[in-house]
PDB file of N, CA and C in Angstrom:
ATOM      1  N   UNK A   1       0.818  -1.194   0.000  1.00  0.00           N
ATOM      2  CA  UNK A   1       0.000   0.000   0.000  1.00  0.00           C
ATOM      3  C   UNK A   1       0.863   1.259   0.000  1.00  0.00           C
ATOM      4  N   UNK A   2       1.971   1.211   0.738  1.00  0.00           N
ATOM      5  CA  UNK A   2       2.861   2.369   0.817  1.00  0.00           C
ATOM      6  C   UNK A   2       3.483   2.671  -0.541  1.00  0.00           C
ATOM      7  N   UNK A   3       3.836   1.635  -1.293  1.00  0.00           N
ATOM      8  CA  UNK A   3       4.420   1.841  -2.621  1.00  0.00           C
ATOM      9  C   UNK A   3       3.423   2.529  -3.555  1.00  0.00           C
ATOM     10  N   UNK A   4       2.122   2.223  -3.371  1.00  0.00           N
ATOM     11  CA  UNK A   4       1.088   2.813  -4.210  1.00  0.00           C
ATOM     12  C   UNK A   4       1.038   4.340  -4.020  1.00  0.00           C
ATOM     13  N   UNK A   5       1.054   4.796  -2.744  1.00  0.00           N
ATOM     14  CA  UNK A   5       0.997   6.232  -2.469  1.00  0.00           C
ATOM     15  C   UNK A   5       2.275   6.940  -2.911  1.00  0.00           C
ATOM     16  N   UNK A   6       3.420   6.307  -2.753  1.00  0.00           N
ATOM     17  CA  UNK A   6       4.666   6.910  -3.198  1.00  0.00           C
ATOM     18  C   UNK A   6       4.683   7.034  -4.718  1.00  0.00           C
ATOM     19  N   UNK A   7       4.134   6.052  -5.395  1.00  0.00           N
ATOM     20  CA  UNK A   7       4.062   6.109  -6.859  1.00  0.00           C
ATOM     21  C   UNK A   7       3.156   7.229  -7.328  1.00  0.00           C
ATOM     22  N   UNK A   8       2.019   7.404  -6.652  1.00  0.00           N
ATOM     23  CA  UNK A   8       1.107   8.474  -7.042  1.00  0.00           C
ATOM     24  C   UNK A   8       1.683   9.851  -6.730  1.00  0.00           C
ATOM     25  N   UNK A   9       2.400   9.976  -5.624  1.00  0.00           N
ATOM     26  CA  UNK A   9       3.033  11.248  -5.278  1.00  0.00           C
ATOM     27  C   UNK A   9       4.072  11.629  -6.325  1.00  0.00           C
ATOM     28  N   UNK A  10       4.885  10.673  -6.709  1.00  0.00           N
ATOM     29  CA  UNK A  10       5.889  10.926  -7.743  1.00  0.00           C
ATOM     30  C   UNK A  10       5.260  11.282  -9.069  1.00  0.00           C
ATOM     31  N   UNK A  11       4.149  10.603  -9.379  1.00  0.00           N
ATOM     32  CA  UNK A  11       3.463  10.877 -10.636  1.00  0.00           C
ATOM     33  C   UNK A  11       2.829  12.282 -10.611  1.00  0.00           C
ATOM     34  N   UNK A  12       2.313  12.708  -9.469  1.00  0.00           N
ATOM     35  CA  UNK A  12       1.723  14.039  -9.339  1.00  0.00           C
ATOM     36  C   UNK A  12       2.780  15.117  -9.508  1.00  0.00           C
ATOM     37  N   UNK A  13       3.951  14.895  -8.938  1.00  0.00           N
ATOM     38  CA  UNK A  13       5.039  15.868  -9.063  1.00  0.00           C
ATOM     39  C   UNK A  13       5.473  15.986 -10.514  1.00  0.00           C
ATOM     40  N   UNK A  14       5.572  14.873 -11.203  1.00  0.00           N
ATOM     41  CA  UNK A  14       5.968  14.879 -12.617  1.00  0.00           C
ATOM     42  C   UNK A  14       4.928  15.621 -13.453  1.00  0.00           C
ATOM     43  N   UNK A  15       3.654  15.497 -13.109  1.00  0.00           N
ATOM     44  CA  UNK A  15       2.607  16.195 -13.842  1.00  0.00           C
ATOM     45  C   UNK A  15       2.635  17.701 -13.577  1.00  0.00           C
ATOM     46  N   UNK A  16       3.095  18.116 -12.404  1.00  0.00           N
ATOM     47  CA  UNK A  16       3.153  19.542 -12.070  1.00  0.00           C
ATOM     48  C   UNK A  16       4.385  20.243 -12.648  1.00  0.00           C
ATOM     49  N   UNK A  17       5.418  19.516 -12.976  1.00  0.00           N
ATOM     50  CA  UNK A  17       6.651  20.129 -13.479  1.00  0.00           C
ATOM     51  C   UNK A  17       6.439  20.991 -14.732  1.00  0.00           C
ATOM     52  N   UNK A  18       5.713  20.528 -15.739  1.00  0.00           N
ATOM     53  CA  UNK A  18       5.504  21.403 -16.902  1.00  0.00           C
ATOM     54  C   UNK A  18       4.749  22.690 -16.547  1.00  0.00           C
ATOM     55  N   UNK A  19       3.785  22.586 -15.638  1.00  0.00           N
ATOM     56  CA  UNK A  19       3.037  23.763 -15.221  1.00  0.00           C
ATOM     57  C   UNK A  19       3.947  24.756 -14.504  1.00  0.00           C
ATOM     58  N   UNK A  20       4.797  24.272 -13.633  1.00  0.00           N
ATOM     59  CA  UNK A  20       5.752  25.121 -12.933  1.00  0.00           C
ATOM     60  C   UNK A  20       6.726  25.761 -13.924  1.00  0.00           C
ATOM     61  N   UNK A  21       7.167  24.992 -14.902  1.00  0.00           N
ATOM     62  CA  UNK A  21       8.087  25.511 -15.919  1.00  0.00           C
ATOM     63  C   UNK A  21       7.423  26.612 -16.749  1.00  0.00           C
ATOM     64  N   UNK A  22       6.147  26.453 -17.067  1.00  0.00           N
ATOM     65  CA  UNK A  22       5.427  27.471 -17.841  1.00  0.00           C
ATOM     66  C   UNK A  22       5.325  28.771 -17.045  1.00  0.00           C
ATOM     67  N   UNK A  23       4.989  28.682 -15.752  1.00  0.00           N
ATOM     68  CA  UNK A  23       4.913  29.882 -14.926  1.00  0.00           C
ATOM     69  C   UNK A  23       6.280  30.551 -14.785  1.00  0.00           C
ATOM     70  N   UNK A  24       7.323  29.770 -14.652  1.00  0.00           N
ATOM     71  CA  UNK A  24       8.673  30.329 -14.588  1.00  0.00           C
ATOM     72  C   UNK A  24       9.050  31.048 -15.869  1.00  0.00           C
ATOM     73  N   UNK A  25       8.718  30.461 -16.990  1.00  0.00           N
ATOM     74  CA  UNK A  25       9.003  31.074 -18.290  1.00  0.00           C
ATOM     75  C   UNK A  25       8.196  32.357 -18.474  1.00  0.00           C
ATOM     76  N   UNK A  26       6.935  32.344 -18.065  1.00  0.00           N
ATOM     77  CA  UNK A  26       6.109  33.553 -18.160  1.00  0.00           C
ATOM     78  C   UNK A  26       6.698  34.672 -17.308  1.00  0.00           C
ATOM     79  N   UNK A  27       7.216  34.346 -16.137  1.00  0.00           N
ATOM     80  CA  UNK A  27       7.834  35.351 -15.277  1.00  0.00           C
ATOM     81  C   UNK A  27       9.046  35.961 -15.965  1.00  0.00           C
ATOM     82  N   UNK A  28       9.893  35.110 -16.537  1.00  0.00           N
ATOM     83  CA  UNK A  28      11.112  35.597 -17.182  1.00  0.00           C
ATOM     84  C   UNK A  28      10.830  36.403 -18.449  1.00  0.00           C
ATOM     85  N   UNK A  29       9.799  36.029 -19.180  1.00  0.00           N
ATOM     86  CA  UNK A  29       9.523  36.668 -20.466  1.00  0.00           C
ATOM     87  C   UNK A  29       8.628  37.905 -20.331  1.00  0.00           C
ATOM     88  N   UNK A  30       7.681  37.881 -19.390  1.00  0.00           N
ATOM     89  CA  UNK A  30       6.703  38.966 -19.324  1.00  0.00           C
ATOM     90  C   UNK A  30       6.881  39.881 -18.110  1.00  0.00           C
ATOM     91  N   UNK A  31       6.997  39.339 -16.946  1.00  0.00           N
ATOM     92  CA  UNK A  31       6.960  40.143 -15.725  1.00  0.00           C
ATOM     93  C   UNK A  31       8.290  40.831 -15.447  1.00  0.00           C
ATOM     94  N   UNK A  32       9.383  40.115 -15.541  1.00  0.00           N
ATOM     95  CA  UNK A  32      10.701  40.678 -15.231  1.00  0.00           C
ATOM     96  C   UNK A  32      11.053  41.867 -16.129  1.00  0.00           C
ATOM     97  N   UNK A  33      10.896  41.775 -17.464  1.00  0.00           N
ATOM     98  CA  UNK A  33      11.199  42.939 -18.315  1.00  0.00           C
ATOM     99  C   UNK A  33      10.297  44.139 -18.019  1.00  0.00           C
ATOM    100  N   UNK A  34       9.031  43.881 -17.668  1.00  0.00           N
ATOM    101  CA  UNK A  34       8.119  44.972 -17.356  1.00  0.00           C
ATOM    102  C   UNK A  34       8.560  45.693 -16.088  1.00  0.00           C
ATOM    103  N   UNK A  35       9.017  44.945 -15.085  1.00  0.00           N
ATOM    104  CA  UNK A  35       9.511  45.557 -13.855  1.00  0.00           C
ATOM    105  C   UNK A  35      10.761  46.384 -14.130  1.00  0.00           C
ATOM    106  N   UNK A  36      11.641  45.882 -14.989  1.00  0.00           N
ATOM    107  CA  UNK A  36      12.871  46.595 -15.331  1.00  0.00           C
ATOM    108  C   UNK A  36      12.552  47.897 -16.061  1.00  0.00           C
ATOM    109  N   UNK A  37      11.612  47.843 -17.006  1.00  0.00           N
ATOM    110  CA  UNK A  37      11.222  49.034 -17.770  1.00  0.00           C
ATOM    111  C   UNK A  37      10.581  50.071 -16.842  1.00  0.00           C
ATOM    112  N   UNK A  38       9.759  49.628 -15.900  1.00  0.00           N
ATOM    113  CA  UNK A  38       9.121  50.546 -14.959  1.00  0.00           C
ATOM    114  C   UNK A  38      10.159  51.239 -14.077  1.00  0.00           C
ATOM    115  N   UNK A  39      11.164  50.490 -13.656  1.00  0.00           N
ATOM    116  CA  UNK A  39      12.229  51.057 -12.825  1.00  0.00           C
ATOM    117  C   UNK A  39      13.017  52.109 -13.615  1.00  0.00           C
ATOM    118  N   UNK A  40      13.314  51.832 -14.892  1.00  0.00           N
ATOM    119  CA  UNK A  40      14.027  52.786 -15.731  1.00  0.00           C
ATOM    120  C   UNK A  40      13.211  54.062 -15.932  1.00  0.00           C
ATOM    121  N   UNK A  41      11.900  53.932 -16.121  1.00  0.00           N
ATOM    122  CA  UNK A  41      11.044  55.102 -16.288  1.00  0.00           C
ATOM    123  C   UNK A  41      11.022  55.956 -15.024  1.00  0.00           C
ATOM    124  N   UNK A  42      10.962  55.310 -13.859  1.00  0.00           N
ATOM    125  CA  UNK A  42      10.973  56.042 -12.599  1.00  0.00           C
ATOM    126  C   UNK A  42      12.291  56.805 -12.418  1.00  0.00           C
ATOM    127  N   UNK A  43      13.414  56.162 -12.761  1.00  0.00           N
ATOM    128  CA  UNK A  43      14.714  56.819 -12.660  1.00  0.00           C
ATOM    129  C   UNK A  43      14.794  58.012 -13.612  1.00  0.00           C
ATOM    130  N   UNK A  44      14.252  57.866 -14.825  1.00  0.00           N
ATOM    131  CA  UNK A  44      14.230  58.960 -15.798  1.00  0.00           C
ATOM    132  C   UNK A  44      13.458  60.143 -15.236  1.00  0.00           C
ATOM    133  N   UNK A  45      12.308  59.893 -14.684  1.00  0.00           N
ATOM    134  CA  UNK A  45      11.464  60.978 -14.170  1.00  0.00           C
ATOM    135  C   UNK A  45      12.063  61.640 -12.945  1.00  0.00           C
ATOM    136  N   UNK A  46      12.801  60.880 -12.146  1.00  0.00           N
ATOM    137  CA  UNK A  46      13.459  61.461 -10.975  1.00  0.00           C
ATOM    138  C   UNK A  46      14.649  62.328 -11.370  1.00  0.00           C
ATOM    139  N   UNK A  47      15.249  62.047 -12.519  1.00  0.00           N
ATOM    140  CA  UNK A  47      16.460  62.756 -12.928  1.00  0.00           C
ATOM    141  C   UNK A  47      16.183  64.022 -13.737  1.00  0.00           C
ATOM    142  N   UNK A  48      14.928  64.355 -13.989  1.00  0.00           N
ATOM    143  CA  UNK A  48      14.593  65.547 -14.769  1.00  0.00           C
ATOM    144  C   UNK A  48      14.966  66.798 -13.983  1.00  0.00           C
ATOM    145  N   UNK A  49      15.630  67.721 -14.655  1.00  0.00           N
ATOM    146  CA  UNK A  49      15.995  68.994 -14.038  1.00  0.00           C
ATOM    147  C   UNK A  49      15.547  70.139 -14.943  1.00  0.00           C
ATOM    148  N   UNK A  50      15.589  71.340 -14.415  1.00  0.00           N
ATOM    149  CA  UNK A  50      15.203  72.531 -15.184  1.00  0.00           C
ATOM    150  C   UNK A  50      16.177  72.704 -16.351  1.00  0.00           C
ATOM    151  N   UNK A  51      15.636  72.949 -17.525  1.00  0.00           N
ATOM    152  CA  UNK A  51      16.438  73.129 -18.728  1.00  0.00           C
ATOM    153  C   UNK A  51      16.448  71.907 -19.632  1.00  0.00           C
ATOM    154  N   UNK A  52      15.994  70.761 -19.140  1.00  0.00           N
ATOM    155  CA  UNK A  52      15.969  69.541 -19.949  1.00  0.00           C
ATOM    156  C   UNK A  52      14.854  69.616 -20.991  1.00  0.00           C
ATOM    157  N   UNK A  53      15.103  69.013 -22.137  1.00  0.00           N
ATOM    158  CA  UNK A  53      14.089  68.899 -23.180  1.00  0.00           C
ATOM    159  C   UNK A  53      13.325  67.603 -22.937  1.00  0.00           C
ATOM    160  N   UNK A  54      11.984  67.679 -22.868  1.00  0.00           N
ATOM    161  CA  UNK A  54      11.170  66.497 -22.609  1.00  0.00           C
ATOM    162  C   UNK A  54      10.128  66.320 -23.698  1.00  0.00           C
ATOM    163  N   UNK A  55       9.697  65.082 -23.858  1.00  0.00           N
ATOM    164  CA  UNK A  55       8.590  64.734 -24.747  1.00  0.00           C
ATOM    165  C   UNK A  55       7.582  63.979 -23.892  1.00  0.00           C
ATOM    166  N   UNK A  56       6.315  64.398 -23.943  1.00  0.00           N
ATOM    167  CA  UNK A  56       5.287  63.740 -23.151  1.00  0.00           C
ATOM    168  C   UNK A  56       4.733  62.529 -23.900  1.00  0.00           C
ATOM    169  N   UNK A  57       3.935  61.737 -23.183  1.00  0.00           N
ATOM    170  CA  UNK A  57       3.329  60.571 -23.825  1.00  0.00           C
ATOM    171  C   UNK A  57       2.305  60.990 -24.881  1.00  0.00           C
ATOM    172  N   UNK A  58       1.861  62.243 -24.819  1.00  0.00           N
ATOM    173  CA  UNK A  58       0.939  62.775 -25.827  1.00  0.00           C
ATOM    174  C   UNK A  58       1.649  63.387 -27.017  1.00  0.00           C
ATOM    175  N   UNK A  59       2.990  63.452 -26.974  1.00  0.00           N
ATOM    176  CA  UNK A  59       3.759  63.969 -28.090  1.00  0.00           C
ATOM    177  C   UNK A  59       4.127  65.437 -27.978  1.00  0.00           C
ATOM    178  N   UNK A  60       3.831  66.072 -26.857  1.00  0.00           N
ATOM    179  CA  UNK A  60       4.173  67.483 -26.681  1.00  0.00           C
ATOM    180  C   UNK A  60       5.651  67.583 -26.327  1.00  0.00           C
ATOM    181  N   UNK A  61       6.359  68.441 -27.053  1.00  0.00           N
ATOM    182  CA  UNK A  61       7.788  68.639 -26.812  1.00  0.00           C
ATOM    183  C   UNK A  61       7.997  70.005 -26.195  1.00  0.00           C
ATOM    184  N   UNK A  62       8.924  70.069 -25.235  1.00  0.00           N
ATOM    185  CA  UNK A  62       9.198  71.356 -24.623  1.00  0.00           C
ATOM    186  C   UNK A  62      10.383  71.295 -23.680  1.00  0.00           C
ATOM    187  N   UNK A  63      10.737  72.477 -23.138  1.00  0.00           N
ATOM    188  CA  UNK A  63      11.858  72.602 -22.218  1.00  0.00           C
ATOM    189  C   UNK A  63      11.305  72.865 -20.827  1.00  0.00           C
ATOM    190  N   UNK A  64      11.834  72.178 -19.825  1.00  0.00           N
ATOM    191  CA  UNK A  64      11.373  72.335 -18.447  1.00  0.00           C
ATOM    192  C   UNK A  64      11.817  73.693 -17.932  1.00  0.00           C
ATOM    193  N   UNK A  65      10.846  74.506 -17.461  1.00  0.00           N
ATOM    194  CA  UNK A  65      11.171  75.825 -16.920  1.00  0.00           C
ATOM    195  C   UNK A  65      10.976  75.888 -15.411  1.00  0.00           C
ATOM    196  N   UNK A  66      10.140  75.020 -14.856  1.00  0.00           N
ATOM    197  CA  UNK A  66      10.010  74.949 -13.403  1.00  0.00           C
ATOM    198  C   UNK A  66       9.464  73.586 -12.993  1.00  0.00           C
ATOM    199  N   UNK A  67       9.710  73.262 -11.725  1.00  0.00           N
ATOM    200  CA  UNK A  67       9.290  71.969 -11.186  1.00  0.00           C
ATOM    201  C   UNK A  67       8.659  72.191  -9.819  1.00  0.00           C
ATOM    202  N   UNK A  68       7.663  71.379  -9.500  1.00  0.00           N
ATOM    203  CA  UNK A  68       7.039  71.408  -8.181  1.00  0.00           C
ATOM    204  C   UNK A  68       7.031  69.980  -7.644  1.00  0.00           C
ATOM    205  N   UNK A  69       7.899  69.723  -6.678  1.00  0.00           N
ATOM    206  CA  UNK A  69       8.007  68.375  -6.134  1.00  0.00           C
ATOM    207  C   UNK A  69       6.810  67.993  -5.270  1.00  0.00           C
ATOM    208  N   UNK A  70       6.175  68.982  -4.624  1.00  0.00           N
ATOM    209  CA  UNK A  70       5.043  68.653  -3.758  1.00  0.00           C
ATOM    210  C   UNK A  70       3.832  68.146  -4.549  1.00  0.00           C
ATOM    211  N   UNK A  71       3.644  68.639  -5.776  1.00  0.00           N
ATOM    212  CA  UNK A  71       2.539  68.168  -6.617  1.00  0.00           C
ATOM    213  C   UNK A  71       3.023  67.228  -7.709  1.00  0.00           C
ATOM    214  N   UNK A  72       4.330  66.981  -7.753  1.00  0.00           N
ATOM    215  CA  UNK A  72       4.924  66.076  -8.733  1.00  0.00           C
ATOM    216  C   UNK A  72       4.595  66.520 -10.164  1.00  0.00           C
ATOM    217  N   UNK A  73       4.763  67.826 -10.432  1.00  0.00           N
ATOM    218  CA  UNK A  73       4.437  68.355 -11.755  1.00  0.00           C
ATOM    219  C   UNK A  73       5.579  69.206 -12.301  1.00  0.00           C
ATOM    220  N   UNK A  74       5.512  69.452 -13.597  1.00  0.00           N
ATOM    221  CA  UNK A  74       6.501  70.256 -14.314  1.00  0.00           C
ATOM    222  C   UNK A  74       5.779  71.333 -15.106  1.00  0.00           C
ATOM    223  N   UNK A  75       6.453  72.425 -15.365  1.00  0.00           N
ATOM    224  CA  UNK A  75       5.961  73.422 -16.311  1.00  0.00           C
ATOM    225  C   UNK A  75       6.956  73.410 -17.460  1.00  0.00           C
ATOM    226  N   UNK A  76       6.447  73.137 -18.663  1.00  0.00           N
ATOM    227  CA  UNK A  76       7.329  73.100 -19.831  1.00  0.00           C
ATOM    228  C   UNK A  76       6.957  74.238 -20.769  1.00  0.00           C
ATOM    229  N   UNK A  77       7.964  74.743 -21.456  1.00  0.00           N
ATOM    230  CA  UNK A  77       7.790  75.812 -22.424  1.00  0.00           C
ATOM    231  C   UNK A  77       7.814  75.191 -23.815  1.00  0.00           C
ATOM    232  N   UNK A  78       6.731  75.382 -24.547  1.00  0.00           N
ATOM    233  CA  UNK A  78       6.607  74.806 -25.887  1.00  0.00           C
ATOM    234  C   UNK A  78       6.531  75.943 -26.897  1.00  0.00           C
ATOM    235  N   UNK A  79       7.653  76.545 -27.161  1.00  0.00           N
ATOM    236  CA  UNK A  79       7.645  77.700 -28.059  1.00  0.00           C
ATOM    237  C   UNK A  79       7.218  78.930 -27.299  1.00  0.00           C
ATOM    238  N   UNK A  80       6.019  79.454 -27.582  1.00  0.00           N
ATOM    239  CA  UNK A  80       5.544  80.668 -26.912  1.00  0.00           C
ATOM    240  C   UNK A  80       4.612  80.369 -25.736  1.00  0.00           C
ATOM    241  N   UNK A  81       4.189  79.113 -25.568  1.00  0.00           N
ATOM    242  CA  UNK A  81       3.257  78.742 -24.505  1.00  0.00           C
ATOM    243  C   UNK A  81       3.960  77.978 -23.398  1.00  0.00           C
ATOM    244  N   UNK A  82       3.344  77.994 -22.214  1.00  0.00           N
ATOM    245  CA  UNK A  82       3.814  77.180 -21.097  1.00  0.00           C
ATOM    246  C   UNK A  82       2.701  76.218 -20.719  1.00  0.00           C
ATOM    247  N   UNK A  83       3.078  74.971 -20.483  1.00  0.00           N
ATOM    248  CA  UNK A  83       2.109  73.923 -20.173  1.00  0.00           C
ATOM    249  C   UNK A  83       2.532  73.240 -18.884  1.00  0.00           C
ATOM    250  N   UNK A  84       1.564  73.038 -17.983  1.00  0.00           N
ATOM    251  CA  UNK A  84       1.838  72.330 -16.738  1.00  0.00           C
ATOM    252  C   UNK A  84       1.446  70.866 -16.935  1.00  0.00           C
ATOM    253  N   UNK A  85       2.389  69.960 -16.656  1.00  0.00           N
ATOM    254  CA  UNK A  85       2.136  68.531 -16.828  1.00  0.00           C
ATOM    255  C   UNK A  85       2.578  67.773 -15.574  1.00  0.00           C
ATOM    256  N   UNK A  86       2.120  66.562 -15.441  1.00  0.00           N
ATOM    257  CA  UNK A  86       2.558  65.680 -14.367  1.00  0.00           C
ATOM    258  C   UNK A  86       3.816  64.940 -14.829  1.00  0.00           C
ATOM    259  N   UNK A  87       4.672  64.583 -13.877  1.00  0.00           N
ATOM    260  CA  UNK A  87       5.915  63.893 -14.230  1.00  0.00           C
ATOM    261  C   UNK A  87       5.650  62.537 -14.873  1.00  0.00           C
ATOM    262  N   UNK A  88       4.568  61.859 -14.481  1.00  0.00           N
ATOM    263  CA  UNK A  88       4.295  60.541 -15.047  1.00  0.00           C
ATOM    264  C   UNK A  88       3.996  60.607 -16.539  1.00  0.00           C
ATOM    265  N   UNK A  89       3.694  61.804 -17.058  1.00  0.00           N
ATOM    266  CA  UNK A  89       3.377  61.954 -18.479  1.00  0.00           C
ATOM    267  C   UNK A  89       4.612  62.118 -19.350  1.00  0.00           C
ATOM    268  N   UNK A  90       5.805  62.162 -18.760  1.00  0.00           N
ATOM    269  CA  UNK A  90       7.035  62.325 -19.534  1.00  0.00           C
ATOM    270  C   UNK A  90       7.438  60.969 -20.130  1.00  0.00           C
ATOM    271  N   UNK A  91       7.614  60.944 -21.446  1.00  0.00           N
ATOM    272  CA  UNK A  91       8.009  59.713 -22.122  1.00  0.00           C
ATOM    273  C   UNK A  91       9.516  59.640 -22.327  1.00  0.00           C
ATOM    274  N   UNK A  92      10.151  60.775 -22.642  1.00  0.00           N
ATOM    275  CA  UNK A  92      11.607  60.780 -22.826  1.00  0.00           C
ATOM    276  C   UNK A  92      12.158  62.129 -22.424  1.00  0.00           C
ATOM    277  N   UNK A  93      13.463  62.140 -22.181  1.00  0.00           N
ATOM    278  CA  UNK A  93      14.107  63.358 -21.710  1.00  0.00           C
ATOM    279  C   UNK A  93      15.496  63.438 -22.328  1.00  0.00           C
ATOM    280  N   UNK A  94      15.829  64.607 -22.879  1.00  0.00           N
ATOM    281  CA  UNK A  94      17.176  64.888 -23.372  1.00  0.00           C
ATOM    282  C   UNK A  94      17.785  65.897 -22.420  1.00  0.00           C
ATOM    283  N   UNK A  95      18.851  65.504 -21.765  1.00  0.00           N
ATOM    284  CA  UNK A  95      19.494  66.375 -20.777  1.00  0.00           C
ATOM    285  C   UNK A  95      20.092  67.594 -21.454  1.00  0.00           C
ATOM    286  N   UNK A  96      19.945  68.738 -20.798  1.00  0.00           N
ATOM    287  CA  UNK A  96      20.557  69.952 -21.333  1.00  0.00           C
ATOM    288  C   UNK A  96      22.055  69.894 -21.079  1.00  0.00           C
ATOM    289  N   UNK A  97      22.835  70.493 -21.951  1.00  0.00           N
ATOM    290  CA  UNK A  97      24.293  70.425 -21.843  1.00  0.00           C
ATOM    291  C   UNK A  97      24.886  71.736 -21.325  1.00  0.00           C
ATOM    292  N   UNK A  98      24.042  72.636 -20.833  1.00  0.00           N
ATOM    293  CA  UNK A  98      24.499  73.934 -20.332  1.00  0.00           C
ATOM    294  C   UNK A  98      24.857  73.887 -18.860  1.00  0.00           C
ATOM    295  N   UNK A  99      24.920  72.735 -18.285  1.00  0.00           N
ATOM    296  CA  UNK A  99      25.135  72.653 -16.836  1.00  0.00           C
ATOM    297  C   UNK A  99      26.581  72.538 -16.491  1.00  0.00           C
TER     298      UNK A  99
END
């Protein structure tokens, strides 16, 4: 009787291995890169300073003229206009070289 239960336990583990492998592969292919990309975006937004050229997720391009850390927002100059945006809306940033 004991051999019967040990055989079924081993068989159950063998049946679970492909499922475990699929979840591991999904983590490596989908979740890990997404976490890395999110971390890079957060670092980009933290490194924005006055004078940097930014592009928002909506495609608006401009130069940062002021920042408010308490509201987590930026004021960018887009030619003759000034626009207030949230930092999370920044898609890319080109650092100014006048520093």
